Structures are given as structure tokens and as C-alpha cells.
Amino acid sequence: MDGLFDDLDRLDLDGHVRRWSAPEVASADGEVNHWLLAAQMFAARLQQDPVEMSDERWRAVGAAWSALLAAAERSTGPQRDEWLMRDLWLRAWLLGNVGPRPDVPLLDPRPPFERALDALPMSREEAAELAPRWRELEREQIRSLRMVKRLLTVMRTVAPYLGDHPRWAEHEAWQRLAGDLP
């Protein structure tokens, strides 16, 4: 798809939806910086005025956002969970600013909560053991603990919209570790 990353700053939200919904996006290649810019510009357009959209438009936006992130990850790899975290943070922001709509995938609080729990890079026991002495750890262990903290922040942000989630006890147990994490 020629021009995939051209004029990203000039696209309105509908332009981003059309661009990232195109079938060619699934096989598009690009450098990490191109994909980062595309995701940043899409999210910025969405965050400008997200409240006044129909459910149908929300579904189109969500599908295009997911297509963009999937293509970015396919093209560049996970980039230390960059695409996952961009998705989780945008969804958390939308929940706080638009509110939940379980029938609209982008506004359903369950997926970011569950994906954050599933993405935790270590067991709760390991995190509890390592967290108090994080200054003594190897760089990769510290990175893992910081990832745990970022994921716990996402869960804490979306948790008020969940009520009686089946994994609530797991979430609460992890949250008890949050204060010890770097």
C-alpha cells in the first residue's frame, strides 16, 4: 500500500479509520517509527472528541485501531509490548472519558483487564520475592517488575467498570504488590 504513512497528521478520525481498515494493511511493512507515529496520530484524533459517536462508528474505529496494531506488530514484532501497552492505555483512557459500553469492543472494560492479567511477565510469588530488593536485580528483572507495575495500573484504571469479574481476586492479590514495585 503506497503512501501508508504519508500525511498522517492531516487525517481526521474517519481518514484514519479508512486507511487502517484497508485490506492491504494486514500485509503492510514499515519501520517501527512509522508504526509508532501512525498509532500516535490515530489515538490523538480519537482522543480529540470521542464522546459523540454512534455505536456503529465506535465499532469501525475499534476494528481499524486493532488492524493498525496487529499490522504494526506483524511488521515490527512486539517491541517490548509496545503495541499491547498502547492498546491498553487507549482503552483505559476511553473508559475514563467515554465510559463503558460492553456491546462496543473498544469500550468494553473486560478485554483490557483480562489482557493485562494475562500479560504479566512473572508469577505473583516471583514478583513478591523480587520487588522489595529490586535495586539489586539484573536489568531484565527490573524491566519485568516495571512491566508488572504498568499492567497493574491499567487494571486499576479499568477495575471500577467491572463489578464482579471472575478474576477479581487475582487482580486484588496483584494490587497488594503494587507499592513495592519500582
N, C-alpha and C. Protein backbone atom coordinates (compact mmCIF):
# COMPACT_ATOMS: atom_id res chain seq x y z
N MET A 1 0.86 -1.17 0.00
CA MET A 1 0.00 0.00 0.00
C MET A 1 0.90 1.23 0.00
N ASP A 2 0.99 1.88 -1.12
CA ASP A 2 1.82 3.07 -1.24
C ASP A 2 1.23 4.21 -0.42
N GLY A 3 2.11 4.97 0.21
CA GLY A 3 1.68 6.15 0.95
C GLY A 3 1.01 5.85 2.28
N LEU A 4 1.17 4.65 2.79
CA LEU A 4 0.51 4.26 4.03
C LEU A 4 0.81 5.22 5.17
N PHE A 5 2.04 5.70 5.24
CA PHE A 5 2.43 6.56 6.34
C PHE A 5 2.50 8.04 5.95
N ASP A 6 2.01 8.38 4.77
CA ASP A 6 2.02 9.77 4.31
C ASP A 6 0.88 10.56 4.95
N ASP A 7 1.15 11.80 5.26
CA ASP A 7 0.13 12.76 5.71
C ASP A 7 -0.68 12.29 6.91
N LEU A 8 -0.08 11.54 7.80
CA LEU A 8 -0.81 11.06 8.98
C LEU A 8 -1.34 12.21 9.82
N ASP A 9 -0.60 13.31 9.86
CA ASP A 9 -1.03 14.46 10.65
C ASP A 9 -2.21 15.19 10.03
N ARG A 10 -2.51 14.93 8.78
CA ARG A 10 -3.62 15.61 8.10
C ARG A 10 -4.91 14.80 8.11
N LEU A 11 -4.82 13.54 8.50
CA LEU A 11 -6.01 12.70 8.50
C LEU A 11 -6.91 13.02 9.69
N ASP A 12 -8.20 13.12 9.42
CA ASP A 12 -9.13 13.20 10.53
C ASP A 12 -9.41 11.77 11.00
N LEU A 13 -10.27 11.61 11.99
CA LEU A 13 -10.52 10.27 12.53
C LEU A 13 -11.07 9.34 11.46
N ASP A 14 -12.00 9.82 10.66
CA ASP A 14 -12.56 8.96 9.60
C ASP A 14 -11.49 8.57 8.58
N GLY A 15 -10.56 9.48 8.32
CA GLY A 15 -9.45 9.16 7.41
C GLY A 15 -8.57 8.05 7.97
N HIS A 16 -8.32 8.10 9.27
CA HIS A 16 -7.54 7.03 9.90
C HIS A 16 -8.31 5.71 9.83
N VAL A 17 -9.60 5.77 10.10
CA VAL A 17 -10.40 4.54 10.05
C VAL A 17 -10.36 3.94 8.65
N ARG A 18 -10.53 4.76 7.63
CA ARG A 18 -10.47 4.24 6.25
C ARG A 18 -9.09 3.66 5.94
N ARG A 19 -8.04 4.39 6.32
CA ARG A 19 -6.69 3.93 5.99
C ARG A 19 -6.37 2.61 6.66
N TRP A 20 -6.66 2.48 7.95
CA TRP A 20 -6.25 1.29 8.68
C TRP A 20 -7.23 0.14 8.54
N SER A 21 -8.38 0.40 7.92
CA SER A 21 -9.34 -0.66 7.63
C SER A 21 -9.11 -1.31 6.27
N ALA A 22 -8.25 -0.72 5.47
CA ALA A 22 -7.98 -1.25 4.14
C ALA A 22 -7.36 -2.65 4.24
N PRO A 23 -7.77 -3.57 3.40
CA PRO A 23 -7.25 -4.95 3.47
C PRO A 23 -5.74 -5.04 3.33
N GLU A 24 -5.14 -4.12 2.59
CA GLU A 24 -3.69 -4.15 2.37
C GLU A 24 -2.89 -3.92 3.64
N VAL A 25 -3.51 -3.32 4.65
CA VAL A 25 -2.80 -3.01 5.89
C VAL A 25 -2.30 -4.29 6.56
N ALA A 26 -3.05 -5.36 6.44
CA ALA A 26 -2.66 -6.62 7.09
C ALA A 26 -1.30 -7.12 6.62
N SER A 27 -0.89 -6.77 5.42
CA SER A 27 0.40 -7.23 4.91
C SER A 27 1.40 -6.09 4.72
N ALA A 28 1.10 -4.92 5.26
CA ALA A 28 1.97 -3.76 5.09
C ALA A 28 3.23 -3.89 5.92
N ASP A 29 4.30 -3.34 5.40
CA ASP A 29 5.56 -3.28 6.13
C ASP A 29 5.87 -1.83 6.44
N GLY A 30 6.70 -1.64 7.42
CA GLY A 30 7.11 -0.30 7.78
C GLY A 30 8.11 -0.36 8.91
N GLU A 31 8.80 0.72 9.11
CA GLU A 31 9.75 0.81 10.21
C GLU A 31 8.99 1.09 11.50
N VAL A 32 9.61 0.76 12.60
CA VAL A 32 8.98 0.96 13.90
C VAL A 32 8.51 2.40 14.06
N ASN A 33 9.34 3.35 13.69
CA ASN A 33 8.96 4.75 13.87
C ASN A 33 7.73 5.13 13.06
N HIS A 34 7.57 4.54 11.89
CA HIS A 34 6.37 4.81 11.10
C HIS A 34 5.12 4.30 11.82
N TRP A 35 5.21 3.08 12.33
CA TRP A 35 4.06 2.50 13.03
C TRP A 35 3.77 3.25 14.32
N LEU A 36 4.81 3.67 15.04
CA LEU A 36 4.60 4.45 16.26
C LEU A 36 3.87 5.75 15.95
N LEU A 37 4.29 6.42 14.89
CA LEU A 37 3.64 7.66 14.50
C LEU A 37 2.19 7.41 14.10
N ALA A 38 1.95 6.36 13.34
CA ALA A 38 0.59 6.04 12.92
C ALA A 38 -0.31 5.80 14.13
N ALA A 39 0.17 5.01 15.08
CA ALA A 39 -0.62 4.73 16.28
C ALA A 39 -0.84 6.00 17.10
N GLN A 40 0.19 6.81 17.22
CA GLN A 40 0.08 8.06 17.98
C GLN A 40 -0.92 9.01 17.34
N MET A 41 -0.87 9.16 16.04
CA MET A 41 -1.79 10.08 15.35
C MET A 41 -3.23 9.58 15.40
N PHE A 42 -3.42 8.29 15.24
CA PHE A 42 -4.76 7.71 15.32
C PHE A 42 -5.33 7.96 16.72
N ALA A 43 -4.55 7.63 17.75
CA ALA A 43 -5.01 7.81 19.12
C ALA A 43 -5.31 9.28 19.42
N ALA A 44 -4.45 10.17 18.93
CA ALA A 44 -4.68 11.60 19.17
C ALA A 44 -5.98 12.07 18.54
N ARG A 45 -6.26 11.62 17.32
CA ARG A 45 -7.52 12.00 16.67
C ARG A 45 -8.71 11.46 17.44
N LEU A 46 -8.59 10.26 17.90
CA LEU A 46 -9.68 9.64 18.66
C LEU A 46 -9.90 10.36 19.98
N GLN A 47 -8.85 10.80 20.62
CA GLN A 47 -8.96 11.45 21.91
C GLN A 47 -9.42 12.90 21.82
N GLN A 48 -9.43 13.48 20.62
CA GLN A 48 -9.86 14.88 20.48
C GLN A 48 -11.32 15.08 20.89
N ASP A 49 -12.21 14.22 20.44
CA ASP A 49 -13.62 14.37 20.75
C ASP A 49 -14.31 13.02 20.64
N PRO A 50 -14.09 12.14 21.60
CA PRO A 50 -14.58 10.78 21.45
C PRO A 50 -16.03 10.55 21.88
N VAL A 51 -16.67 11.52 22.49
CA VAL A 51 -17.95 11.26 23.14
C VAL A 51 -19.12 11.12 22.18
N GLU A 52 -19.17 11.91 21.18
CA GLU A 52 -20.35 11.98 20.31
C GLU A 52 -20.29 11.04 19.11
N MET A 53 -20.07 9.76 19.36
CA MET A 53 -20.04 8.80 18.26
C MET A 53 -21.09 7.72 18.49
N SER A 54 -21.65 7.27 17.39
CA SER A 54 -22.61 6.18 17.46
C SER A 54 -21.87 4.87 17.75
N ASP A 55 -22.61 3.86 18.20
CA ASP A 55 -22.01 2.56 18.45
C ASP A 55 -21.41 1.99 17.17
N GLU A 56 -22.08 2.22 16.04
CA GLU A 56 -21.57 1.72 14.76
C GLU A 56 -20.22 2.35 14.43
N ARG A 57 -20.10 3.64 14.66
CA ARG A 57 -18.83 4.32 14.38
C ARG A 57 -17.76 3.83 15.35
N TRP A 58 -18.13 3.63 16.62
CA TRP A 58 -17.18 3.10 17.59
C TRP A 58 -16.65 1.75 17.15
N ARG A 59 -17.54 0.91 16.62
CA ARG A 59 -17.10 -0.42 16.16
C ARG A 59 -16.11 -0.30 15.01
N ALA A 60 -16.37 0.62 14.08
CA ALA A 60 -15.45 0.84 12.96
C ALA A 60 -14.10 1.35 13.45
N VAL A 61 -14.13 2.29 14.37
CA VAL A 61 -12.90 2.83 14.94
C VAL A 61 -12.12 1.71 15.64
N GLY A 62 -12.81 0.90 16.43
CA GLY A 62 -12.15 -0.19 17.14
C GLY A 62 -11.53 -1.21 16.21
N ALA A 63 -12.24 -1.54 15.14
CA ALA A 63 -11.70 -2.50 14.17
C ALA A 63 -10.46 -1.94 13.48
N ALA A 64 -10.50 -0.65 13.12
CA ALA A 64 -9.35 -0.03 12.46
C ALA A 64 -8.16 0.07 13.42
N TRP A 65 -8.43 0.44 14.66
CA TRP A 65 -7.37 0.52 15.67
C TRP A 65 -6.70 -0.85 15.85
N SER A 66 -7.51 -1.88 15.98
CA SER A 66 -6.97 -3.24 16.13
C SER A 66 -6.17 -3.67 14.90
N ALA A 67 -6.66 -3.32 13.72
CA ALA A 67 -5.95 -3.66 12.48
C ALA A 67 -4.59 -2.96 12.42
N LEU A 68 -4.56 -1.70 12.81
CA LEU A 68 -3.31 -0.94 12.83
C LEU A 68 -2.30 -1.61 13.78
N LEU A 69 -2.73 -1.91 14.99
CA LEU A 69 -1.81 -2.51 15.96
C LEU A 69 -1.36 -3.91 15.53
N ALA A 70 -2.26 -4.68 14.97
CA ALA A 70 -1.89 -6.03 14.51
C ALA A 70 -0.87 -5.94 13.37
N ALA A 71 -1.08 -5.02 12.45
CA ALA A 71 -0.14 -4.86 11.34
C ALA A 71 1.22 -4.36 11.85
N ALA A 72 1.19 -3.45 12.81
CA ALA A 72 2.44 -2.95 13.39
C ALA A 72 3.22 -4.08 14.05
N GLU A 73 2.53 -4.90 14.81
CA GLU A 73 3.22 -6.00 15.48
C GLU A 73 3.71 -7.04 14.49
N ARG A 74 2.92 -7.33 13.48
CA ARG A 74 3.35 -8.29 12.47
C ARG A 74 4.58 -7.77 11.73
N SER A 75 4.59 -6.49 11.44
CA SER A 75 5.68 -5.89 10.68
C SER A 75 6.95 -5.71 11.50
N THR A 76 6.82 -5.38 12.78
CA THR A 76 7.99 -4.99 13.57
C THR A 76 8.26 -5.88 14.78
N GLY A 77 7.35 -6.78 15.10
CA GLY A 77 7.47 -7.57 16.32
C GLY A 77 6.82 -6.83 17.48
N PRO A 78 6.81 -7.44 18.64
CA PRO A 78 6.09 -6.84 19.77
C PRO A 78 6.74 -5.58 20.35
N GLN A 79 8.01 -5.35 20.05
CA GLN A 79 8.69 -4.14 20.52
C GLN A 79 8.54 -3.97 22.04
N ARG A 80 8.87 -5.00 22.77
CA ARG A 80 8.77 -4.98 24.25
C ARG A 80 7.36 -4.60 24.69
N ASP A 81 6.39 -5.18 24.04
CA ASP A 81 4.97 -4.99 24.36
C ASP A 81 4.46 -3.57 24.08
N GLU A 82 5.12 -2.87 23.19
CA GLU A 82 4.71 -1.51 22.83
C GLU A 82 3.26 -1.47 22.33
N TRP A 83 2.92 -2.38 21.45
CA TRP A 83 1.58 -2.34 20.83
C TRP A 83 0.51 -2.74 21.85
N LEU A 84 0.83 -3.70 22.67
CA LEU A 84 -0.09 -4.09 23.75
C LEU A 84 -0.35 -2.91 24.67
N MET A 85 0.70 -2.26 25.12
CA MET A 85 0.54 -1.16 26.07
C MET A 85 -0.18 0.03 25.44
N ARG A 86 0.08 0.33 24.19
CA ARG A 86 -0.66 1.41 23.52
C ARG A 86 -2.15 1.09 23.50
N ASP A 87 -2.47 -0.15 23.20
CA ASP A 87 -3.87 -0.55 23.16
C ASP A 87 -4.50 -0.46 24.55
N LEU A 88 -3.84 -0.99 25.54
CA LEU A 88 -4.40 -0.97 26.90
C LEU A 88 -4.57 0.45 27.42
N TRP A 89 -3.58 1.30 27.19
CA TRP A 89 -3.69 2.67 27.69
C TRP A 89 -4.79 3.44 26.97
N LEU A 90 -4.93 3.26 25.67
CA LEU A 90 -6.01 3.97 24.97
C LEU A 90 -7.36 3.49 25.47
N ARG A 91 -7.52 2.19 25.61
CA ARG A 91 -8.80 1.66 26.10
C ARG A 91 -9.10 2.17 27.52
N ALA A 92 -8.10 2.21 28.37
CA ALA A 92 -8.30 2.72 29.73
C ALA A 92 -8.70 4.20 29.69
N TRP A 93 -8.05 4.96 28.85
CA TRP A 93 -8.38 6.39 28.72
C TRP A 93 -9.81 6.55 28.22
N LEU A 94 -10.18 5.78 27.22
CA LEU A 94 -11.54 5.87 26.68
C LEU A 94 -12.58 5.50 27.73
N LEU A 95 -12.32 4.48 28.51
CA LEU A 95 -13.27 4.11 29.56
C LEU A 95 -13.46 5.26 30.54
N GLY A 96 -12.39 5.93 30.90
CA GLY A 96 -12.49 7.05 31.83
C GLY A 96 -13.14 8.28 31.24
N ASN A 97 -13.06 8.45 29.93
CA ASN A 97 -13.57 9.67 29.30
C ASN A 97 -14.87 9.48 28.54
N VAL A 98 -15.18 8.26 28.16
CA VAL A 98 -16.41 7.98 27.41
C VAL A 98 -17.33 7.10 28.25
N GLY A 99 -16.73 6.21 29.00
CA GLY A 99 -17.50 5.26 29.80
C GLY A 99 -17.60 3.92 29.11
N PRO A 100 -17.99 2.92 29.86
CA PRO A 100 -18.06 1.57 29.29
C PRO A 100 -19.31 1.36 28.44
N ARG A 101 -19.13 0.56 27.42
CA ARG A 101 -20.24 0.07 26.58
C ARG A 101 -19.86 -1.36 26.22
N PRO A 102 -20.30 -2.32 27.00
CA PRO A 102 -19.88 -3.72 26.77
C PRO A 102 -20.21 -4.25 25.37
N ASP A 103 -21.16 -3.63 24.68
CA ASP A 103 -21.50 -4.09 23.33
C ASP A 103 -20.63 -3.45 22.26
N VAL A 104 -19.70 -2.57 22.66
CA VAL A 104 -18.74 -1.94 21.75
C VAL A 104 -17.35 -2.42 22.17
N PRO A 105 -16.69 -3.27 21.39
CA PRO A 105 -15.43 -3.87 21.82
C PRO A 105 -14.38 -2.90 22.35
N LEU A 106 -14.23 -1.75 21.73
CA LEU A 106 -13.21 -0.80 22.17
C LEU A 106 -13.54 -0.20 23.54
N LEU A 107 -14.81 -0.23 23.92
CA LEU A 107 -15.24 0.36 25.19
C LEU A 107 -15.67 -0.67 26.22
N ASP A 108 -15.35 -1.91 25.98
CA ASP A 108 -15.66 -2.99 26.91
C ASP A 108 -14.49 -3.09 27.90
N PRO A 109 -14.73 -2.94 29.20
CA PRO A 109 -13.62 -2.97 30.16
C PRO A 109 -13.01 -4.35 30.39
N ARG A 110 -13.70 -5.39 30.01
CA ARG A 110 -13.17 -6.74 30.27
C ARG A 110 -11.90 -7.06 29.50
N PRO A 111 -11.82 -6.80 28.19
CA PRO A 111 -10.58 -7.16 27.47
C PRO A 111 -9.30 -6.51 28.01
N PRO A 112 -9.29 -5.19 28.29
CA PRO A 112 -8.02 -4.66 28.80
C PRO A 112 -7.65 -5.23 30.18
N PHE A 113 -8.65 -5.47 31.00
CA PHE A 113 -8.42 -6.05 32.32
C PHE A 113 -7.83 -7.45 32.18
N GLU A 114 -8.46 -8.28 31.35
CA GLU A 114 -8.01 -9.66 31.16
C GLU A 114 -6.67 -9.73 30.43
N ARG A 115 -6.49 -8.89 29.42
CA ARG A 115 -5.22 -8.90 28.70
C ARG A 115 -4.08 -8.45 29.59
N ALA A 116 -4.33 -7.48 30.47
CA ALA A 116 -3.29 -7.04 31.40
C ALA A 116 -2.93 -8.17 32.36
N LEU A 117 -3.92 -8.86 32.89
CA LEU A 117 -3.64 -10.01 33.77
C LEU A 117 -2.85 -11.09 33.02
N ASP A 118 -3.26 -11.37 31.80
CA ASP A 118 -2.60 -12.42 31.02
C ASP A 118 -1.18 -12.05 30.61
N ALA A 119 -0.89 -10.75 30.51
CA ALA A 119 0.43 -10.31 30.04
C ALA A 119 1.46 -10.17 31.16
N LEU A 120 1.05 -10.35 32.40
CA LEU A 120 2.01 -10.23 33.50
C LEU A 120 3.18 -11.16 33.25
N PRO A 121 4.41 -10.64 33.27
CA PRO A 121 5.57 -11.42 32.84
C PRO A 121 6.15 -12.39 33.87
N MET A 122 5.54 -12.46 35.03
CA MET A 122 6.04 -13.38 36.06
C MET A 122 4.90 -13.73 37.00
N SER A 123 5.15 -14.73 37.81
CA SER A 123 4.13 -15.12 38.79
C SER A 123 4.08 -14.10 39.92
N ARG A 124 2.96 -14.09 40.62
CA ARG A 124 2.79 -13.19 41.75
C ARG A 124 3.83 -13.51 42.84
N GLU A 125 4.11 -14.78 43.02
CA GLU A 125 5.10 -15.18 44.02
C GLU A 125 6.49 -14.65 43.67
N GLU A 126 6.86 -14.76 42.40
CA GLU A 126 8.16 -14.25 41.97
C GLU A 126 8.23 -12.74 42.13
N ALA A 127 7.17 -12.05 41.74
CA ALA A 127 7.14 -10.59 41.88
C ALA A 127 7.25 -10.18 43.35
N ALA A 128 6.55 -10.90 44.23
CA ALA A 128 6.59 -10.58 45.66
C ALA A 128 8.00 -10.80 46.22
N GLU A 129 8.69 -11.79 45.72
CA GLU A 129 10.04 -12.07 46.19
C GLU A 129 11.04 -11.03 45.67
N LEU A 130 10.90 -10.63 44.40
CA LEU A 130 11.87 -9.73 43.78
C LEU A 130 11.64 -8.25 44.10
N ALA A 131 10.40 -7.84 44.23
CA ALA A 131 10.07 -6.41 44.35
C ALA A 131 10.80 -5.69 45.49
N PRO A 132 10.84 -6.24 46.71
CA PRO A 132 11.50 -5.49 47.79
C PRO A 132 13.00 -5.25 47.57
N ARG A 133 13.62 -6.07 46.76
CA ARG A 133 15.07 -5.91 46.55
C ARG A 133 15.37 -5.57 45.08
N TRP A 134 14.50 -4.83 44.45
CA TRP A 134 14.62 -4.56 43.02
C TRP A 134 15.92 -3.85 42.65
N ARG A 135 16.49 -3.08 43.56
CA ARG A 135 17.74 -2.35 43.25
C ARG A 135 18.93 -3.29 43.06
N GLU A 136 18.82 -4.50 43.53
CA GLU A 136 19.91 -5.48 43.44
C GLU A 136 19.78 -6.37 42.20
N LEU A 137 18.73 -6.24 41.45
CA LEU A 137 18.41 -7.17 40.37
C LEU A 137 19.09 -6.84 39.06
N GLU A 138 19.07 -7.82 38.18
CA GLU A 138 19.54 -7.63 36.80
C GLU A 138 18.56 -6.70 36.08
N ARG A 139 19.06 -6.07 35.05
CA ARG A 139 18.25 -5.12 34.27
C ARG A 139 16.94 -5.73 33.76
N GLU A 140 16.99 -6.95 33.24
CA GLU A 140 15.79 -7.58 32.70
C GLU A 140 14.75 -7.88 33.79
N GLN A 141 15.22 -8.23 34.97
CA GLN A 141 14.28 -8.46 36.07
C GLN A 141 13.60 -7.15 36.48
N ILE A 142 14.37 -6.07 36.50
CA ILE A 142 13.80 -4.76 36.82
C ILE A 142 12.77 -4.37 35.75
N ARG A 143 13.10 -4.59 34.49
CA ARG A 143 12.15 -4.31 33.40
C ARG A 143 10.85 -5.09 33.58
N SER A 144 10.99 -6.34 33.95
CA SER A 144 9.80 -7.17 34.18
C SER A 144 8.95 -6.63 35.32
N LEU A 145 9.60 -6.22 36.40
CA LEU A 145 8.85 -5.64 37.52
C LEU A 145 8.17 -4.33 37.12
N ARG A 146 8.83 -3.54 36.31
CA ARG A 146 8.21 -2.28 35.85
C ARG A 146 7.03 -2.57 34.93
N MET A 147 7.15 -3.62 34.13
CA MET A 147 6.03 -4.02 33.29
C MET A 147 4.85 -4.46 34.16
N VAL A 148 5.13 -5.20 35.21
CA VAL A 148 4.08 -5.59 36.15
C VAL A 148 3.38 -4.35 36.67
N LYS A 149 4.14 -3.36 37.07
CA LYS A 149 3.56 -2.13 37.62
C LYS A 149 2.68 -1.42 36.59
N ARG A 150 3.15 -1.33 35.35
CA ARG A 150 2.36 -0.68 34.30
C ARG A 150 1.06 -1.44 34.05
N LEU A 151 1.14 -2.75 34.03
CA LEU A 151 -0.07 -3.56 33.81
C LEU A 151 -1.04 -3.45 34.99
N LEU A 152 -0.51 -3.39 36.20
CA LEU A 152 -1.37 -3.22 37.36
C LEU A 152 -2.06 -1.86 37.33
N THR A 153 -1.39 -0.85 36.82
CA THR A 153 -2.00 0.47 36.70
C THR A 153 -3.17 0.43 35.72
N VAL A 154 -3.00 -0.26 34.61
CA VAL A 154 -4.10 -0.42 33.65
C VAL A 154 -5.27 -1.12 34.33
N MET A 155 -4.99 -2.21 35.02
CA MET A 155 -6.07 -2.96 35.69
C MET A 155 -6.79 -2.08 36.71
N ARG A 156 -6.03 -1.32 37.48
CA ARG A 156 -6.62 -0.45 38.49
C ARG A 156 -7.50 0.62 37.83
N THR A 157 -7.09 1.09 36.67
CA THR A 157 -7.85 2.12 35.96
C THR A 157 -9.17 1.59 35.42
N VAL A 158 -9.19 0.37 34.92
CA VAL A 158 -10.43 -0.18 34.34
C VAL A 158 -11.27 -0.94 35.36
N ALA A 159 -10.71 -1.28 36.50
CA ALA A 159 -11.42 -2.08 37.51
C ALA A 159 -12.76 -1.48 37.97
N PRO A 160 -12.88 -0.17 38.11
CA PRO A 160 -14.17 0.37 38.57
C PRO A 160 -15.35 0.06 37.64
N TYR A 161 -15.08 -0.34 36.42
CA TYR A 161 -16.14 -0.62 35.45
C TYR A 161 -16.50 -2.10 35.36
N LEU A 162 -15.92 -2.91 36.23
CA LEU A 162 -16.06 -4.35 36.07
C LEU A 162 -17.05 -5.03 36.99
N GLY A 163 -17.26 -4.52 38.16
CA GLY A 163 -18.18 -5.20 39.07
C GLY A 163 -17.63 -6.54 39.52
N ASP A 164 -18.37 -7.59 39.31
CA ASP A 164 -17.99 -8.93 39.78
C ASP A 164 -17.30 -9.73 38.68
N HIS A 165 -16.09 -9.35 38.35
CA HIS A 165 -15.34 -10.07 37.33
C HIS A 165 -14.83 -11.39 37.92
N PRO A 166 -14.85 -12.48 37.15
CA PRO A 166 -14.40 -13.77 37.67
C PRO A 166 -12.94 -13.78 38.14
N ARG A 167 -12.14 -12.84 37.66
CA ARG A 167 -10.72 -12.82 38.04
C ARG A 167 -10.42 -11.69 39.05
N TRP A 168 -11.47 -11.21 39.73
CA TRP A 168 -11.30 -10.09 40.65
C TRP A 168 -10.31 -10.41 41.77
N ALA A 169 -10.39 -11.58 42.36
CA ALA A 169 -9.50 -11.95 43.46
C ALA A 169 -8.04 -11.95 43.00
N GLU A 170 -7.81 -12.42 41.79
CA GLU A 170 -6.46 -12.42 41.21
C GLU A 170 -5.95 -10.98 41.10
N HIS A 171 -6.80 -10.11 40.60
CA HIS A 171 -6.47 -8.68 40.48
C HIS A 171 -6.13 -8.08 41.84
N GLU A 172 -6.95 -8.34 42.84
CA GLU A 172 -6.71 -7.78 44.18
C GLU A 172 -5.39 -8.29 44.77
N ALA A 173 -5.09 -9.55 44.57
CA ALA A 173 -3.84 -10.11 45.08
C ALA A 173 -2.64 -9.42 44.43
N TRP A 174 -2.71 -9.18 43.12
CA TRP A 174 -1.63 -8.48 42.43
C TRP A 174 -1.53 -7.04 42.92
N GLN A 175 -2.65 -6.38 43.14
CA GLN A 175 -2.63 -4.97 43.54
C GLN A 175 -1.96 -4.78 44.89
N ARG A 176 -1.98 -5.78 45.74
CA ARG A 176 -1.30 -5.68 47.04
C ARG A 176 0.22 -5.55 46.88
N LEU A 177 0.73 -5.95 45.73
CA LEU A 177 2.18 -5.83 45.47
C LEU A 177 2.58 -4.48 44.87
N ALA A 178 1.62 -3.73 44.39
CA ALA A 178 1.91 -2.53 43.60
C ALA A 178 2.85 -1.56 44.31
N GLY A 179 2.68 -1.35 45.60
CA GLY A 179 3.50 -0.39 46.32
C GLY A 179 4.97 -0.75 46.42
N ASP A 180 5.29 -2.02 46.27
CA ASP A 180 6.69 -2.47 46.36
C ASP A 180 7.42 -2.46 45.03
N LEU A 181 6.70 -2.22 43.95
CA LEU A 181 7.30 -2.32 42.62
C LEU A 181 8.05 -1.04 42.25
N PRO A 182 9.14 -1.18 41.47
CA PRO A 182 9.90 0.01 41.07
C PRO A 182 9.14 0.87 40.07
